């Protein structure tokens, strides 16, 4: 009888408690305050800027440093922090809100968002870039310490998902 090989994370979980990285929001905002960028981002676009950080070279270095610090502190799993990297969430920053003109965000509105190539491509790029950054740091620290590290997607719901859940 052939036994299917077990995933390395399953082995870790059978032997000890695995540690996942901590809160990102506070740390990344503290880092933003430290940055001396001359760029001023309109308040409406601040959330979108936060989600597009992996695509911005100076911000990507900050994100990688946060990953490194969590891994150096002993995290087994780091997350991509891309909870807003979906076409629906990005639509909050790139699509006019029909409610501002007395309309609704009905199923037809959301279907257009889901089918929007620009928003889908942007969400894909944010997720892929962030996953690559996580994997790079997980591998660097694993090679230095001899202990395998893992990468996970986001662990939080975005604001739009929470609003939709509240409607049920």
N, C-alpha and C. Protein backbone atom coordinates (compact mmCIF):
# COMPACT_ATOMS: atom_id res chain seq x y z
N UNK A 1 0.83 -1.18 0.00
CA UNK A 1 0.00 0.00 0.00
C UNK A 1 0.88 1.24 0.00
N UNK A 2 0.59 2.14 -0.93
CA UNK A 2 1.37 3.37 -1.05
C UNK A 2 0.72 4.47 -0.23
N UNK A 3 1.53 5.10 0.58
CA UNK A 3 1.02 6.20 1.40
C UNK A 3 1.31 7.52 0.70
N UNK A 4 0.31 8.38 0.63
CA UNK A 4 0.49 9.70 0.04
C UNK A 4 1.41 10.50 0.95
N UNK A 5 2.35 11.20 0.33
CA UNK A 5 3.29 11.98 1.12
C UNK A 5 2.59 13.15 1.78
N UNK A 6 2.90 13.36 3.02
CA UNK A 6 2.28 14.40 3.83
C UNK A 6 2.92 15.76 3.51
N UNK A 7 2.10 16.81 3.49
CA UNK A 7 2.60 18.17 3.27
C UNK A 7 3.48 18.56 4.47
N UNK A 8 4.59 19.24 4.24
CA UNK A 8 5.49 19.61 5.35
C UNK A 8 4.80 20.42 6.46
N UNK A 9 3.83 21.26 6.10
CA UNK A 9 3.13 22.02 7.13
C UNK A 9 2.33 21.09 8.04
N UNK A 10 1.75 20.04 7.49
CA UNK A 10 1.01 19.07 8.30
C UNK A 10 1.94 18.42 9.33
N UNK A 11 3.16 18.14 8.91
CA UNK A 11 4.14 17.56 9.82
C UNK A 11 4.45 18.52 10.97
N UNK A 12 4.64 19.80 10.63
CA UNK A 12 4.88 20.82 11.66
C UNK A 12 3.71 20.84 12.64
N UNK A 13 2.49 20.88 12.12
CA UNK A 13 1.30 21.00 12.96
C UNK A 13 1.08 19.78 13.85
N UNK A 14 1.55 18.63 13.43
CA UNK A 14 1.42 17.43 14.25
C UNK A 14 2.42 17.42 15.41
N UNK A 15 3.49 18.21 15.29
CA UNK A 15 4.54 18.18 16.29
C UNK A 15 4.60 19.40 17.22
N UNK A 16 4.01 20.51 16.77
CA UNK A 16 4.06 21.72 17.59
C UNK A 16 3.06 22.74 17.07
N UNK A 17 2.93 23.81 17.79
CA UNK A 17 2.07 24.92 17.35
C UNK A 17 2.85 25.75 16.33
N UNK A 18 2.24 25.97 15.20
CA UNK A 18 2.86 26.82 14.17
C UNK A 18 2.51 28.28 14.46
N UNK A 19 3.46 29.14 14.23
CA UNK A 19 3.27 30.58 14.51
C UNK A 19 3.08 31.32 13.20
N UNK A 20 2.03 32.14 13.16
CA UNK A 20 1.76 32.95 11.98
C UNK A 20 2.14 34.39 12.30
N UNK A 21 2.46 35.14 11.26
CA UNK A 21 2.87 36.53 11.47
C UNK A 21 1.77 37.32 12.18
N UNK A 22 2.10 38.51 12.64
CA UNK A 22 1.18 39.30 13.44
C UNK A 22 0.44 40.35 12.65
N UNK A 23 -0.02 41.35 13.36
CA UNK A 23 -0.82 42.42 12.75
C UNK A 23 0.03 43.24 11.79
N UNK A 24 -0.48 43.41 10.61
CA UNK A 24 0.20 44.19 9.59
C UNK A 24 -0.17 45.65 9.63
N UNK A 25 -1.42 45.92 9.89
CA UNK A 25 -1.94 47.28 9.74
C UNK A 25 -1.13 48.28 10.55
N UNK A 26 -0.93 48.02 11.83
CA UNK A 26 -0.22 48.96 12.67
C UNK A 26 1.21 49.15 12.22
N UNK A 27 1.90 48.05 11.93
CA UNK A 27 3.30 48.13 11.56
C UNK A 27 3.49 48.86 10.24
N UNK A 28 2.66 48.56 9.26
CA UNK A 28 2.84 49.20 7.96
C UNK A 28 2.51 50.67 8.03
N UNK A 29 1.55 51.06 8.87
CA UNK A 29 1.23 52.48 8.99
C UNK A 29 2.31 53.22 9.76
N UNK A 30 2.89 52.58 10.76
CA UNK A 30 4.02 53.21 11.44
C UNK A 30 5.16 53.43 10.46
N UNK A 31 5.40 52.45 9.60
CA UNK A 31 6.44 52.58 8.60
C UNK A 31 6.12 53.69 7.61
N UNK A 32 4.85 53.85 7.25
CA UNK A 32 4.46 54.94 6.35
C UNK A 32 4.80 56.28 6.98
N UNK A 33 4.58 56.40 8.29
CA UNK A 33 4.89 57.66 8.96
C UNK A 33 6.39 57.95 8.92
N UNK A 34 7.20 56.91 8.89
CA UNK A 34 8.65 57.08 8.85
C UNK A 34 9.14 57.46 7.47
N UNK A 35 8.38 57.10 6.44
CA UNK A 35 8.80 57.38 5.08
C UNK A 35 8.73 58.87 4.81
N UNK A 36 9.61 59.34 3.98
CA UNK A 36 9.66 60.77 3.68
C UNK A 36 9.34 61.00 2.22
N UNK A 37 8.25 60.44 1.79
CA UNK A 37 7.82 60.57 0.41
C UNK A 37 7.15 61.92 0.21
N UNK A 38 7.46 62.58 -0.90
CA UNK A 38 6.84 63.86 -1.22
C UNK A 38 5.46 63.66 -1.83
N UNK A 39 5.12 62.41 -2.14
CA UNK A 39 3.85 62.11 -2.78
C UNK A 39 2.70 62.26 -1.77
N UNK A 40 1.69 63.00 -2.16
CA UNK A 40 0.49 63.12 -1.35
C UNK A 40 -0.61 62.35 -2.03
N UNK A 41 -1.21 61.43 -1.31
CA UNK A 41 -2.25 60.58 -1.88
C UNK A 41 -3.60 61.11 -1.41
N UNK A 42 -4.51 61.39 -2.35
CA UNK A 42 -5.85 61.82 -1.94
C UNK A 42 -6.48 60.80 -1.01
N UNK A 43 -7.26 61.27 -0.03
CA UNK A 43 -7.85 60.37 0.96
C UNK A 43 -8.65 59.25 0.30
N UNK A 44 -9.37 59.55 -0.79
CA UNK A 44 -10.19 58.54 -1.48
C UNK A 44 -9.33 57.38 -1.98
N UNK A 45 -8.08 57.64 -2.33
CA UNK A 45 -7.21 56.62 -2.90
C UNK A 45 -6.29 55.96 -1.88
N UNK A 46 -6.35 56.36 -0.62
CA UNK A 46 -5.42 55.81 0.36
C UNK A 46 -5.55 54.30 0.52
N UNK A 47 -6.76 53.78 0.54
CA UNK A 47 -6.94 52.34 0.65
C UNK A 47 -6.36 51.61 -0.53
N UNK A 48 -6.57 52.15 -1.72
CA UNK A 48 -6.03 51.54 -2.92
C UNK A 48 -4.51 51.59 -2.89
N UNK A 49 -3.95 52.70 -2.45
CA UNK A 49 -2.49 52.81 -2.34
C UNK A 49 -1.96 51.72 -1.42
N UNK A 50 -2.65 51.51 -0.30
CA UNK A 50 -2.22 50.50 0.65
C UNK A 50 -2.19 49.12 0.00
N UNK A 51 -3.20 48.81 -0.79
CA UNK A 51 -3.25 47.50 -1.42
C UNK A 51 -2.25 47.36 -2.56
N UNK A 52 -1.87 48.48 -3.19
CA UNK A 52 -0.94 48.40 -4.31
C UNK A 52 0.52 48.51 -3.86
N UNK A 53 0.77 48.54 -2.57
CA UNK A 53 2.14 48.66 -2.07
C UNK A 53 3.12 47.66 -2.67
N UNK A 54 2.74 46.41 -2.82
CA UNK A 54 3.72 45.46 -3.36
C UNK A 54 4.23 45.86 -4.74
N UNK A 55 3.50 46.70 -5.45
CA UNK A 55 3.88 47.10 -6.80
C UNK A 55 4.75 48.36 -6.80
N UNK A 56 4.92 49.01 -5.67
CA UNK A 56 5.70 50.24 -5.57
C UNK A 56 7.06 49.92 -4.97
N UNK A 57 8.15 50.22 -5.70
CA UNK A 57 9.48 49.78 -5.25
C UNK A 57 9.85 50.19 -3.83
N UNK A 58 9.63 51.44 -3.42
CA UNK A 58 10.02 51.84 -2.07
C UNK A 58 9.15 51.15 -1.02
N UNK A 59 7.86 51.00 -1.34
CA UNK A 59 6.96 50.33 -0.40
C UNK A 59 7.23 48.82 -0.37
N UNK A 60 7.64 48.25 -1.49
CA UNK A 60 7.94 46.81 -1.52
C UNK A 60 9.09 46.50 -0.58
N UNK A 61 10.08 47.38 -0.51
CA UNK A 61 11.19 47.17 0.41
C UNK A 61 10.71 47.18 1.86
N UNK A 62 9.76 48.06 2.17
CA UNK A 62 9.19 48.13 3.52
C UNK A 62 8.45 46.83 3.82
N UNK A 63 7.65 46.35 2.86
CA UNK A 63 6.89 45.11 3.06
C UNK A 63 7.84 43.93 3.28
N UNK A 64 8.87 43.85 2.47
CA UNK A 64 9.83 42.75 2.62
C UNK A 64 10.53 42.81 3.98
N UNK A 65 10.79 44.01 4.46
CA UNK A 65 11.41 44.15 5.78
C UNK A 65 10.46 43.66 6.87
N UNK A 66 9.17 43.94 6.73
CA UNK A 66 8.19 43.43 7.70
C UNK A 66 8.16 41.91 7.67
N UNK A 67 8.14 41.32 6.47
CA UNK A 67 8.19 39.86 6.37
C UNK A 67 9.43 39.32 7.07
N UNK A 68 10.57 39.91 6.79
CA UNK A 68 11.83 39.46 7.38
C UNK A 68 11.77 39.52 8.90
N UNK A 69 11.23 40.60 9.44
CA UNK A 69 11.17 40.74 10.89
C UNK A 69 10.24 39.70 11.54
N UNK A 70 9.11 39.42 10.90
CA UNK A 70 8.23 38.37 11.43
C UNK A 70 8.93 37.01 11.39
N UNK A 71 9.61 36.73 10.30
CA UNK A 71 10.32 35.45 10.17
C UNK A 71 11.47 35.37 11.17
N UNK A 72 12.22 36.45 11.33
CA UNK A 72 13.31 36.47 12.30
C UNK A 72 12.79 36.28 13.73
N UNK A 73 11.56 36.72 13.97
CA UNK A 73 10.95 36.57 15.30
C UNK A 73 10.41 35.16 15.52
N UNK A 74 10.45 34.32 14.48
CA UNK A 74 10.06 32.92 14.65
C UNK A 74 8.79 32.50 13.94
N UNK A 75 8.20 33.37 13.13
CA UNK A 75 6.97 32.98 12.42
C UNK A 75 7.26 31.81 11.48
N UNK A 76 6.37 30.84 11.50
CA UNK A 76 6.45 29.71 10.57
C UNK A 76 5.73 30.04 9.27
N UNK A 77 4.71 30.88 9.39
CA UNK A 77 3.85 31.22 8.25
C UNK A 77 3.75 32.73 8.15
N UNK A 78 3.98 33.25 6.95
CA UNK A 78 3.74 34.67 6.72
C UNK A 78 2.64 34.79 5.67
N UNK A 79 1.83 35.84 5.82
CA UNK A 79 0.71 36.01 4.91
C UNK A 79 0.99 37.12 3.91
N UNK A 80 0.29 37.06 2.80
CA UNK A 80 0.52 38.01 1.72
C UNK A 80 -0.03 39.39 2.02
N UNK A 81 -0.93 39.52 2.99
CA UNK A 81 -1.53 40.80 3.35
C UNK A 81 -2.24 41.43 2.16
N UNK A 82 -2.90 40.62 1.35
CA UNK A 82 -3.56 41.11 0.14
C UNK A 82 -5.08 40.97 0.23
N UNK A 83 -5.63 41.16 1.43
CA UNK A 83 -7.07 40.97 1.60
C UNK A 83 -7.90 41.86 0.70
N UNK A 84 -7.37 43.01 0.28
CA UNK A 84 -8.12 43.91 -0.60
C UNK A 84 -7.78 43.76 -2.07
N UNK A 85 -7.00 42.76 -2.40
CA UNK A 85 -6.57 42.58 -3.79
C UNK A 85 -7.56 41.70 -4.54
N UNK A 86 -8.79 42.20 -4.63
CA UNK A 86 -9.83 41.55 -5.42
C UNK A 86 -10.43 42.61 -6.33
N UNK A 87 -11.06 42.18 -7.39
CA UNK A 87 -11.66 43.15 -8.31
C UNK A 87 -12.75 43.95 -7.59
N UNK A 88 -13.50 43.32 -6.72
CA UNK A 88 -14.58 44.02 -6.03
C UNK A 88 -14.02 45.10 -5.11
N UNK A 89 -13.00 44.79 -4.34
CA UNK A 89 -12.42 45.80 -3.46
C UNK A 89 -11.75 46.91 -4.26
N UNK A 90 -11.02 46.56 -5.29
CA UNK A 90 -10.37 47.59 -6.10
C UNK A 90 -11.38 48.50 -6.80
N UNK A 91 -12.58 47.99 -7.05
CA UNK A 91 -13.62 48.82 -7.69
C UNK A 91 -13.97 50.01 -6.81
N UNK A 92 -13.77 49.89 -5.50
CA UNK A 92 -14.04 51.00 -4.59
C UNK A 92 -13.19 52.22 -4.94
N UNK A 93 -12.08 52.01 -5.61
CA UNK A 93 -11.15 53.09 -5.91
C UNK A 93 -11.15 53.50 -7.37
N UNK A 94 -11.69 52.67 -8.25
CA UNK A 94 -11.60 52.92 -9.68
C UNK A 94 -12.94 53.02 -10.40
N UNK A 95 -14.03 52.77 -9.72
CA UNK A 95 -15.34 52.75 -10.36
C UNK A 95 -16.26 53.70 -9.60
N UNK A 96 -17.02 54.50 -10.33
CA UNK A 96 -17.98 55.39 -9.69
C UNK A 96 -19.02 54.58 -8.92
N UNK A 97 -19.35 55.06 -7.75
CA UNK A 97 -20.34 54.40 -6.90
C UNK A 97 -21.73 54.83 -7.36
N UNK A 98 -22.56 53.89 -7.84
CA UNK A 98 -23.89 54.27 -8.33
C UNK A 98 -24.78 54.86 -7.24
N UNK A 99 -24.45 54.58 -5.97
CA UNK A 99 -25.26 55.12 -4.87
C UNK A 99 -25.14 56.64 -4.77
N UNK A 100 -24.04 57.18 -5.31
CA UNK A 100 -23.85 58.63 -5.28
C UNK A 100 -24.83 59.33 -6.22
N UNK A 101 -25.43 58.59 -7.14
CA UNK A 101 -26.41 59.15 -8.08
C UNK A 101 -27.79 58.52 -7.86
N UNK A 102 -28.02 58.01 -6.66
CA UNK A 102 -29.33 57.43 -6.34
C UNK A 102 -29.50 55.99 -6.78
N UNK A 103 -28.44 55.36 -7.30
CA UNK A 103 -28.53 53.98 -7.76
C UNK A 103 -28.22 52.99 -6.66
N UNK A 104 -27.98 51.76 -7.09
CA UNK A 104 -27.68 50.68 -6.16
C UNK A 104 -26.49 49.87 -6.66
N UNK A 105 -25.85 49.22 -5.73
CA UNK A 105 -24.83 48.22 -6.09
C UNK A 105 -25.56 46.88 -6.12
N UNK A 106 -26.19 46.63 -7.25
CA UNK A 106 -27.00 45.43 -7.40
C UNK A 106 -26.18 44.32 -8.06
N UNK A 107 -26.75 43.13 -8.25
CA UNK A 107 -26.00 42.04 -8.87
C UNK A 107 -25.41 42.40 -10.23
N UNK A 108 -26.13 43.19 -11.01
CA UNK A 108 -25.62 43.61 -12.32
C UNK A 108 -24.35 44.45 -12.17
N UNK A 109 -24.35 45.36 -11.19
CA UNK A 109 -23.16 46.18 -10.92
C UNK A 109 -21.97 45.27 -10.59
N UNK A 110 -22.17 44.33 -9.66
CA UNK A 110 -21.08 43.46 -9.24
C UNK A 110 -20.63 42.53 -10.37
N UNK A 111 -21.54 42.11 -11.23
CA UNK A 111 -21.13 41.27 -12.36
C UNK A 111 -20.20 42.05 -13.29
N UNK A 112 -20.49 43.32 -13.51
CA UNK A 112 -19.61 44.16 -14.35
C UNK A 112 -18.23 44.28 -13.70
N UNK A 113 -18.20 44.40 -12.40
CA UNK A 113 -16.93 44.50 -11.68
C UNK A 113 -16.15 43.19 -11.83
N UNK A 114 -16.84 42.09 -11.63
CA UNK A 114 -16.19 40.78 -11.73
C UNK A 114 -15.64 40.54 -13.13
N UNK A 115 -16.32 41.06 -14.14
CA UNK A 115 -15.90 40.87 -15.54
C UNK A 115 -14.89 41.92 -16.02
N UNK A 116 -14.59 42.92 -15.21
CA UNK A 116 -13.72 44.02 -15.62
C UNK A 116 -12.27 43.55 -15.73
N UNK A 117 -11.71 43.59 -16.93
CA UNK A 117 -10.34 43.10 -17.18
C UNK A 117 -9.30 43.89 -16.39
N UNK A 118 -9.41 45.22 -16.39
CA UNK A 118 -8.43 46.05 -15.66
C UNK A 118 -8.40 45.66 -14.19
N UNK A 119 -9.57 45.59 -13.55
CA UNK A 119 -9.62 45.27 -12.13
C UNK A 119 -9.12 43.86 -11.84
N UNK A 120 -9.46 42.91 -12.70
CA UNK A 120 -8.96 41.54 -12.52
C UNK A 120 -7.46 41.46 -12.69
N UNK A 121 -6.94 42.15 -13.70
CA UNK A 121 -5.49 42.15 -13.92
C UNK A 121 -4.75 42.81 -12.76
N UNK A 122 -5.30 43.91 -12.25
CA UNK A 122 -4.69 44.59 -11.11
C UNK A 122 -4.68 43.68 -9.88
N UNK A 123 -5.81 43.06 -9.60
CA UNK A 123 -5.89 42.16 -8.44
C UNK A 123 -4.90 41.00 -8.59
N UNK A 124 -4.82 40.44 -9.79
CA UNK A 124 -3.88 39.34 -10.02
C UNK A 124 -2.43 39.81 -9.79
N UNK A 125 -2.10 40.97 -10.34
CA UNK A 125 -0.73 41.47 -10.20
C UNK A 125 -0.36 41.73 -8.74
N UNK A 126 -1.27 42.31 -7.99
CA UNK A 126 -1.01 42.56 -6.57
C UNK A 126 -0.79 41.24 -5.83
N UNK A 127 -1.68 40.28 -6.06
CA UNK A 127 -1.57 38.98 -5.38
C UNK A 127 -0.30 38.23 -5.77
N UNK A 128 -0.01 38.19 -7.06
CA UNK A 128 1.18 37.46 -7.51
C UNK A 128 2.46 38.10 -6.99
N UNK A 129 2.54 39.42 -7.07
CA UNK A 129 3.75 40.12 -6.60
C UNK A 129 3.94 39.90 -5.11
N UNK A 130 2.87 40.02 -4.35
CA UNK A 130 2.97 39.83 -2.91
C UNK A 130 3.36 38.39 -2.56
N UNK A 131 2.78 37.43 -3.25
CA UNK A 131 3.12 36.03 -3.00
C UNK A 131 4.59 35.75 -3.32
N UNK A 132 5.09 36.34 -4.39
CA UNK A 132 6.52 36.16 -4.74
C UNK A 132 7.42 36.77 -3.66
N UNK A 133 7.04 37.96 -3.17
CA UNK A 133 7.83 38.60 -2.12
C UNK A 133 7.85 37.74 -0.86
N UNK A 134 6.69 37.23 -0.48
CA UNK A 134 6.61 36.35 0.70
C UNK A 134 7.47 35.11 0.51
N UNK A 135 7.32 34.47 -0.64
CA UNK A 135 8.06 33.24 -0.90
C UNK A 135 9.56 33.49 -0.86
N UNK A 136 10.00 34.60 -1.44
CA UNK A 136 11.42 34.93 -1.45
C UNK A 136 11.96 35.03 -0.03
N UNK A 137 11.24 35.74 0.85
CA UNK A 137 11.73 35.90 2.22
C UNK A 137 11.58 34.62 3.03
N UNK A 138 10.53 33.89 2.81
CA UNK A 138 10.39 32.61 3.51
C UNK A 138 11.55 31.68 3.15
N UNK A 139 11.92 31.65 1.88
CA UNK A 139 13.03 30.80 1.44
C UNK A 139 14.37 31.31 1.96
N UNK A 140 14.57 32.62 1.94
CA UNK A 140 15.84 33.19 2.46
C UNK A 140 16.05 32.80 3.93
N UNK A 141 15.01 33.02 4.73
CA UNK A 141 15.14 32.73 6.16
C UNK A 141 15.24 31.23 6.40
N UNK A 142 14.50 30.44 5.65
CA UNK A 142 14.58 28.97 5.78
C UNK A 142 15.98 28.48 5.45
N UNK A 143 16.57 29.02 4.40
CA UNK A 143 17.94 28.61 4.03
C UNK A 143 18.94 29.02 5.10
N UNK A 144 18.72 30.16 5.73
CA UNK A 144 19.64 30.63 6.76
C UNK A 144 19.48 29.87 8.07
N UNK A 145 18.26 29.42 8.38
CA UNK A 145 18.00 28.79 9.67
C UNK A 145 17.86 27.27 9.60
N UNK A 146 17.63 26.75 8.40
CA UNK A 146 17.40 25.32 8.25
C UNK A 146 16.00 24.88 8.63
N UNK A 147 15.10 25.82 8.86
CA UNK A 147 13.71 25.50 9.22
C UNK A 147 12.78 26.01 8.14
N UNK A 148 12.00 25.13 7.54
CA UNK A 148 11.11 25.52 6.45
C UNK A 148 10.07 26.52 6.92
N UNK A 149 9.78 27.50 6.07
CA UNK A 149 8.75 28.51 6.35
C UNK A 149 7.69 28.44 5.26
N UNK A 150 6.49 28.91 5.58
CA UNK A 150 5.36 28.78 4.69
C UNK A 150 4.73 30.13 4.39
N UNK A 151 4.03 30.19 3.25
CA UNK A 151 3.36 31.41 2.81
C UNK A 151 1.87 31.12 2.69
N UNK A 152 1.07 32.04 3.21
CA UNK A 152 -0.39 31.90 3.13
C UNK A 152 -0.98 33.16 2.51
N UNK A 153 -2.16 33.00 1.98
CA UNK A 153 -2.89 34.16 1.49
C UNK A 153 -3.42 34.97 2.66
N UNK A 154 -4.24 35.95 2.40
CA UNK A 154 -4.74 36.81 3.48
C UNK A 154 -5.70 36.07 4.41
N UNK A 155 -5.74 36.49 5.66
CA UNK A 155 -6.57 35.85 6.66
C UNK A 155 -7.75 36.71 7.08
N UNK A 156 -7.97 37.81 6.41
CA UNK A 156 -9.03 38.73 6.82
C UNK A 156 -10.01 38.98 5.68
N UNK A 157 -11.20 39.35 6.04
CA UNK A 157 -12.18 39.76 5.04
C UNK A 157 -11.95 41.23 4.71
N UNK A 158 -12.27 41.60 3.48
CA UNK A 158 -12.19 43.01 3.13
C UNK A 158 -13.50 43.69 3.50
N UNK A 159 -13.51 45.00 3.43
CA UNK A 159 -14.67 45.78 3.83
C UNK A 159 -15.91 45.42 3.01
N UNK A 160 -15.76 45.21 1.72
CA UNK A 160 -16.90 44.89 0.86
C UNK A 160 -17.50 43.55 1.28
N UNK A 161 -16.66 42.56 1.56
CA UNK A 161 -17.17 41.25 2.00
C UNK A 161 -17.96 41.38 3.29
N UNK A 162 -17.46 42.20 4.20
CA UNK A 162 -18.16 42.40 5.46
C UNK A 162 -19.51 43.08 5.23
N UNK A 163 -19.55 44.05 4.33
CA UNK A 163 -20.81 44.73 4.02
C UNK A 163 -21.81 43.75 3.40
N UNK A 164 -21.34 42.90 2.50
CA UNK A 164 -22.24 41.92 1.88
C UNK A 164 -22.74 40.90 2.90
N UNK A 165 -21.88 40.47 3.81
CA UNK A 165 -22.28 39.52 4.82
C UNK A 165 -23.34 40.13 5.74
N UNK A 166 -23.22 41.40 6.01
CA UNK A 166 -24.17 42.09 6.88
C UNK A 166 -25.56 42.17 6.24
N UNK A 167 -25.62 42.12 4.92
CA UNK A 167 -26.89 42.24 4.20
C UNK A 167 -27.72 40.97 4.26
N UNK A 168 -27.15 39.85 4.64
CA UNK A 168 -27.87 38.57 4.64
C UNK A 168 -28.79 38.43 5.80
